[in-house]
Amino acid sequence: MYFSENIKKELCSLIREPCCMKAECYGLLLFGRAFSFNEISILTQSSESAHLYEGLIKELFSITPDISRSRAGKFTVSVTNPSDRRFILSEFGHTGSEIALRINYANFENECCISAFIRGVFISCGFVTNPEKDYHIEFITPKQKLALDLKRIIEDLSITPKQIRRKSGYSLYIKDGESIEDILGFMGATTSFLHMMNIRATKDMLNKINRQYNFESANLNRTIEANMKQI
């Protein structure tokens, strides 16, 4: 998960446009551990993600969430006051008692806010495997309708994620290297995007060299066999 952690660190360090802060915070909260009247919280191993969650809530709503760390090193950030939770929900157009959570597109002021929203979603529930081993990005949410809404947003980027049911919830995943690069670039993870692009280019070159070597070896073997038959 080292590559994924570096991506989240990079995303958390970005300078944010004022119009995008609400959309990113919305992605963080909506796809966190809980987003309802009874609980608003996130559970993460990343200190950068935890402090971003805390900082955006402070900046946007003048509310200070509680932040704690377990012995296992995981951070929990939560809004404990019921009136604060009600206020945050209403600011995003939710009541907190919805039967099925859905994405409220009214929270996206401009096109750039879609990028910020996906960035928040990834920080909250996404991960990317090390591209030196495999090409794989995944978003996991316990809410089926949220997974479907996120799938439609990603499809608008001309990227088609696959969906699968897991024990931990509903998963959207992509295993195409170029599509993963596109998502990294769209979220603003430029350094990680370039790093993965270099790895993919190197792997493609090595695969091409390997195929060429196998092709020439096969031709050489056929030539030797033909000559031996003639002899």
Protein backbone atom coordinates (compact mmCIF):
# COMPACT_ATOMS: atom_id res chain seq x y z
CA MET A 1 0.00 0.00 0.00
CA TYR A 2 3.06 2.26 -0.04
CA PHE A 3 2.26 3.68 -3.49
CA SER A 4 -1.34 4.34 -2.46
CA GLU A 5 -0.23 6.12 0.72
CA ASN A 6 2.08 8.37 -1.30
CA ILE A 7 -0.81 9.30 -3.59
CA LYS A 8 -2.95 10.30 -0.63
CA LYS A 9 -0.11 12.34 0.86
CA GLU A 10 0.28 14.16 -2.45
CA LEU A 11 -3.45 14.81 -2.76
CA CYS A 12 -3.69 16.07 0.82
CA SER A 13 -0.89 18.60 0.19
CA LEU A 14 -2.52 20.24 -2.84
CA ILE A 15 -3.56 23.89 -2.87
CA ARG A 16 -7.35 23.95 -3.16
CA GLU A 17 -9.62 26.31 -5.07
CA PRO A 18 -12.35 27.81 -2.83
CA CYS A 19 -15.14 26.43 -5.03
CA CYS A 20 -13.68 22.91 -4.82
CA MET A 21 -13.25 22.69 -1.05
CA LYS A 22 -16.90 21.91 -0.42
CA ALA A 23 -16.98 19.25 -3.17
CA GLU A 24 -13.84 17.55 -1.81
CA CYS A 25 -15.15 17.66 1.75
CA TYR A 26 -18.41 16.18 0.46
CA GLY A 27 -16.53 13.26 -1.11
CA LEU A 28 -14.57 12.69 2.10
CA LEU A 29 -17.65 12.70 4.33
CA LEU A 30 -20.10 10.91 2.05
CA PHE A 31 -17.74 7.97 1.44
CA GLY A 32 -16.32 7.89 4.96
CA ARG A 33 -17.18 5.38 7.67
CA ALA A 34 -20.51 7.05 8.44
CA PHE A 35 -22.53 9.99 7.10
CA SER A 36 -25.86 10.20 8.92
CA PHE A 37 -27.59 12.07 11.72
CA ASN A 38 -26.37 9.43 14.19
CA GLU A 39 -22.73 9.55 13.11
CA ILE A 40 -20.37 11.45 10.82
CA SER A 41 -16.88 9.95 10.89
CA ILE A 42 -13.91 8.59 9.00
CA LEU A 43 -11.46 5.80 9.89
CA THR A 44 -8.05 5.95 8.22
CA GLN A 45 -4.43 4.87 8.65
CA SER A 46 -3.23 8.11 7.06
CA SER A 47 -2.54 11.03 9.40
CA GLU A 48 -2.63 13.37 6.39
CA SER A 49 -6.12 12.16 5.45
CA ALA A 50 -7.34 12.50 9.04
CA HIS A 51 -6.08 16.07 9.37
CA LEU A 52 -7.47 17.02 5.95
CA TYR A 53 -10.90 15.73 7.03
CA GLU A 54 -10.63 17.71 10.25
CA GLY A 55 -9.30 20.83 8.52
CA LEU A 56 -11.97 21.00 5.80
CA ILE A 57 -14.78 20.70 8.36
CA LYS A 58 -13.20 23.48 10.41
CA GLU A 59 -12.69 25.70 7.37
CA LEU A 60 -16.14 25.22 5.85
CA PHE A 61 -18.40 24.94 8.91
CA SER A 62 -16.39 26.35 11.86
CA ILE A 63 -16.84 23.01 13.59
CA THR A 64 -13.95 21.18 15.29
CA PRO A 65 -14.25 17.38 14.99
CA ASP A 66 -12.79 14.98 17.53
CA ILE A 67 -9.67 13.14 16.38
CA SER A 68 -8.14 10.12 18.08
CA ARG A 69 -5.59 7.41 17.33
CA SER A 70 -5.86 3.75 18.26
CA ARG A 71 -3.04 1.50 19.39
CA ALA A 72 -3.08 -0.04 15.91
CA GLY A 73 -2.21 3.37 14.48
CA LYS A 74 -5.59 4.13 12.90
CA PHE A 75 -7.12 7.60 13.13
CA THR A 76 -10.79 8.22 13.86
CA VAL A 77 -12.20 11.66 13.09
CA SER A 78 -15.82 12.29 14.08
CA VAL A 79 -18.38 15.03 14.55
CA THR A 80 -19.82 14.27 17.99
CA ASN A 81 -22.35 17.06 18.50
CA PRO A 82 -25.82 16.18 17.09
CA SER A 83 -26.62 19.80 16.15
CA ASP A 84 -23.28 20.04 14.31
CA ARG A 85 -24.08 16.84 12.40
CA ARG A 86 -27.52 18.17 11.48
CA PHE A 87 -25.98 21.42 10.24
CA ILE A 88 -23.34 19.66 8.10
CA LEU A 89 -25.91 17.33 6.57
CA SER A 90 -28.22 20.21 5.68
CA GLU A 91 -25.35 22.14 4.08
CA PHE A 92 -24.83 19.21 1.70
CA GLY A 93 -28.55 18.80 1.04
CA HIS A 94 -29.08 15.70 3.20
CA THR A 95 -31.38 14.98 6.12
CA GLY A 96 -29.33 12.14 7.62
CA SER A 97 -32.31 9.81 7.66
CA GLU A 98 -32.28 8.80 3.97
CA ILE A 99 -33.06 5.14 3.29
CA ALA A 100 -30.40 5.12 0.58
CA LEU A 101 -27.60 7.67 0.34
CA ARG A 102 -27.17 9.19 -3.12
CA ILE A 103 -24.72 11.76 -4.48
CA ASN A 104 -26.21 15.27 -4.47
CA TYR A 105 -24.88 16.93 -7.63
CA ALA A 106 -25.94 20.37 -6.36
CA ASN A 107 -22.69 20.36 -4.34
CA PHE A 108 -20.64 20.75 -7.54
CA GLU A 109 -20.48 24.43 -8.47
CA ASN A 110 -18.14 24.05 -11.46
CA GLU A 111 -16.65 21.27 -13.58
CA CYS A 112 -13.43 21.40 -11.56
CA CYS A 113 -15.44 20.41 -8.49
CA ILE A 114 -15.97 16.93 -9.96
CA SER A 115 -12.20 16.43 -9.81
CA ALA A 116 -12.15 17.61 -6.19
CA PHE A 117 -15.06 15.32 -5.30
CA ILE A 118 -13.36 12.22 -6.74
CA ARG A 119 -10.18 13.26 -4.92
CA GLY A 120 -12.13 13.32 -1.64
CA VAL A 121 -13.72 9.95 -2.40
CA PHE A 122 -10.33 8.37 -3.13
CA ILE A 123 -8.76 9.76 0.05
CA SER A 124 -11.71 8.39 2.00
CA CYS A 125 -12.18 4.91 0.50
CA GLY A 126 -9.78 4.30 -2.39
CA PHE A 127 -6.45 2.60 -2.96
CA VAL A 128 -4.03 1.84 -5.80
CA THR A 129 -1.69 -1.15 -5.94
CA ASN A 130 2.01 -0.76 -6.73
CA PRO A 131 2.15 -0.45 -10.55
CA GLU A 132 5.43 -2.37 -10.60
CA LYS A 133 3.41 -5.45 -9.61
CA ASP A 134 -0.08 -4.85 -10.98
CA TYR A 135 -2.41 -2.17 -12.37
CA HIS A 136 -5.35 -1.81 -10.00
CA ILE A 137 -7.35 1.06 -8.48
CA GLU A 138 -10.37 0.44 -6.28
CA PHE A 139 -13.07 2.37 -4.42
CA ILE A 140 -15.01 0.54 -1.68
CA THR A 141 -18.24 1.78 -0.08
CA PRO A 142 -20.85 -0.05 2.03
CA LYS A 143 -23.64 1.72 0.11
CA GLN A 144 -24.79 0.18 -3.18
CA LYS A 145 -26.48 3.33 -4.51
CA LEU A 146 -23.38 5.42 -3.81
CA ALA A 147 -21.29 2.90 -5.74
CA LEU A 148 -23.66 3.17 -8.70
CA ASP A 149 -23.63 6.99 -8.63
CA LEU A 150 -19.82 7.04 -8.44
CA LYS A 151 -19.65 4.58 -11.34
CA ARG A 152 -21.68 6.97 -13.50
CA ILE A 153 -19.39 9.89 -12.65
CA ILE A 154 -16.29 7.88 -13.56
CA GLU A 155 -17.94 6.69 -16.78
CA ASP A 156 -18.41 10.36 -17.75
CA LEU A 157 -14.57 10.47 -17.89
CA SER A 158 -14.71 7.79 -20.64
CA ILE A 159 -13.47 5.21 -18.12
CA THR A 160 -15.53 2.09 -17.41
CA PRO A 161 -14.99 0.62 -13.93
CA LYS A 162 -16.17 -2.86 -13.03
CA GLN A 163 -18.31 -3.49 -9.98
CA ILE A 164 -18.17 -6.37 -7.52
CA ARG A 165 -19.76 -7.20 -4.16
CA ARG A 166 -17.25 -7.70 -1.35
CA LYS A 167 -17.61 -8.52 2.34
CA SER A 168 -16.62 -4.94 3.17
CA GLY A 169 -19.15 -3.43 0.76
CA TYR A 170 -19.50 -2.58 -2.91
CA SER A 171 -16.34 -2.18 -4.93
CA LEU A 172 -15.55 -0.30 -8.14
CA TYR A 173 -12.22 -1.26 -9.67
CA ILE A 174 -10.16 -0.56 -12.78
CA LYS A 175 -7.24 -2.69 -13.98
CA ASP A 176 -6.28 -0.77 -17.13
CA GLY A 177 -3.01 1.11 -16.57
CA GLU A 178 -3.83 4.02 -18.88
CA SER A 179 -7.23 4.56 -17.25
CA ILE A 180 -5.63 4.56 -13.80
CA GLU A 181 -3.15 7.18 -14.98
CA ASP A 182 -6.07 9.28 -16.26
CA ILE A 183 -7.79 9.14 -12.86
CA LEU A 184 -4.59 10.07 -11.02
CA GLY A 185 -4.11 13.04 -13.32
CA PHE A 186 -7.76 14.05 -13.02
CA MET A 187 -7.55 14.06 -9.22
CA GLY A 188 -4.41 16.23 -9.35
CA ALA A 189 -1.83 13.59 -8.32
CA THR A 190 0.66 14.79 -10.96
CA THR A 191 3.79 13.30 -9.36
CA SER A 192 2.14 9.90 -8.90
CA PHE A 193 0.76 10.09 -12.43
CA LEU A 194 4.24 10.67 -13.90
CA HIS A 195 5.76 7.97 -11.69
CA MET A 196 3.23 5.39 -12.86
CA MET A 197 3.58 6.48 -16.48
CA ASN A 198 7.35 5.92 -16.30
CA ILE A 199 6.88 2.48 -14.72
CA ARG A 200 4.32 1.48 -17.34
CA ALA A 201 6.54 2.72 -20.19
CA THR A 202 9.50 0.75 -18.83
CA LYS A 203 7.42 -2.41 -18.43
CA ASP A 204 6.00 -2.03 -21.95
CA MET A 205 9.52 -1.61 -23.37
CA LEU A 206 10.82 -4.67 -21.51
CA ASN A 207 7.84 -6.71 -22.68
CA LYS A 208 8.48 -5.62 -26.26
CA ILE A 209 12.17 -6.58 -25.98
CA ASN A 210 11.18 -9.93 -24.47
CA ARG A 211 8.68 -10.63 -27.26
CA GLN A 212 11.27 -9.72 -29.89
CA TYR A 213 13.85 -11.99 -28.23
CA ASN A 214 11.39 -14.90 -28.11
CA PHE A 215 10.46 -14.32 -31.76
CA GLU A 216 14.09 -14.32 -32.90
CA SER A 217 14.89 -17.36 -30.74
CA ALA A 218 11.98 -19.27 -32.27
CA ASN A 219 13.13 -18.35 -35.79
CA LEU A 220 16.68 -19.43 -34.99
CA ASN A 221 15.47 -22.77 -33.63
CA ARG A 222 13.38 -23.37 -36.76
CA THR A 223 16.40 -22.55 -38.95
CA ILE A 224 18.63 -24.96 -37.02
CA GLU A 225 16.00 -27.73 -37.24
CA ALA A 226 15.64 -27.20 -41.01
CA ASN A 227 19.41 -27.30 -41.52
CA MET A 228 19.74 -30.47 -39.43
CA LYS A 229 17.08 -32.17 -41.56
CA GLN A 230 18.95 -31.19 -44.74
CA ILE A 231 22.21 -32.50 -43.34
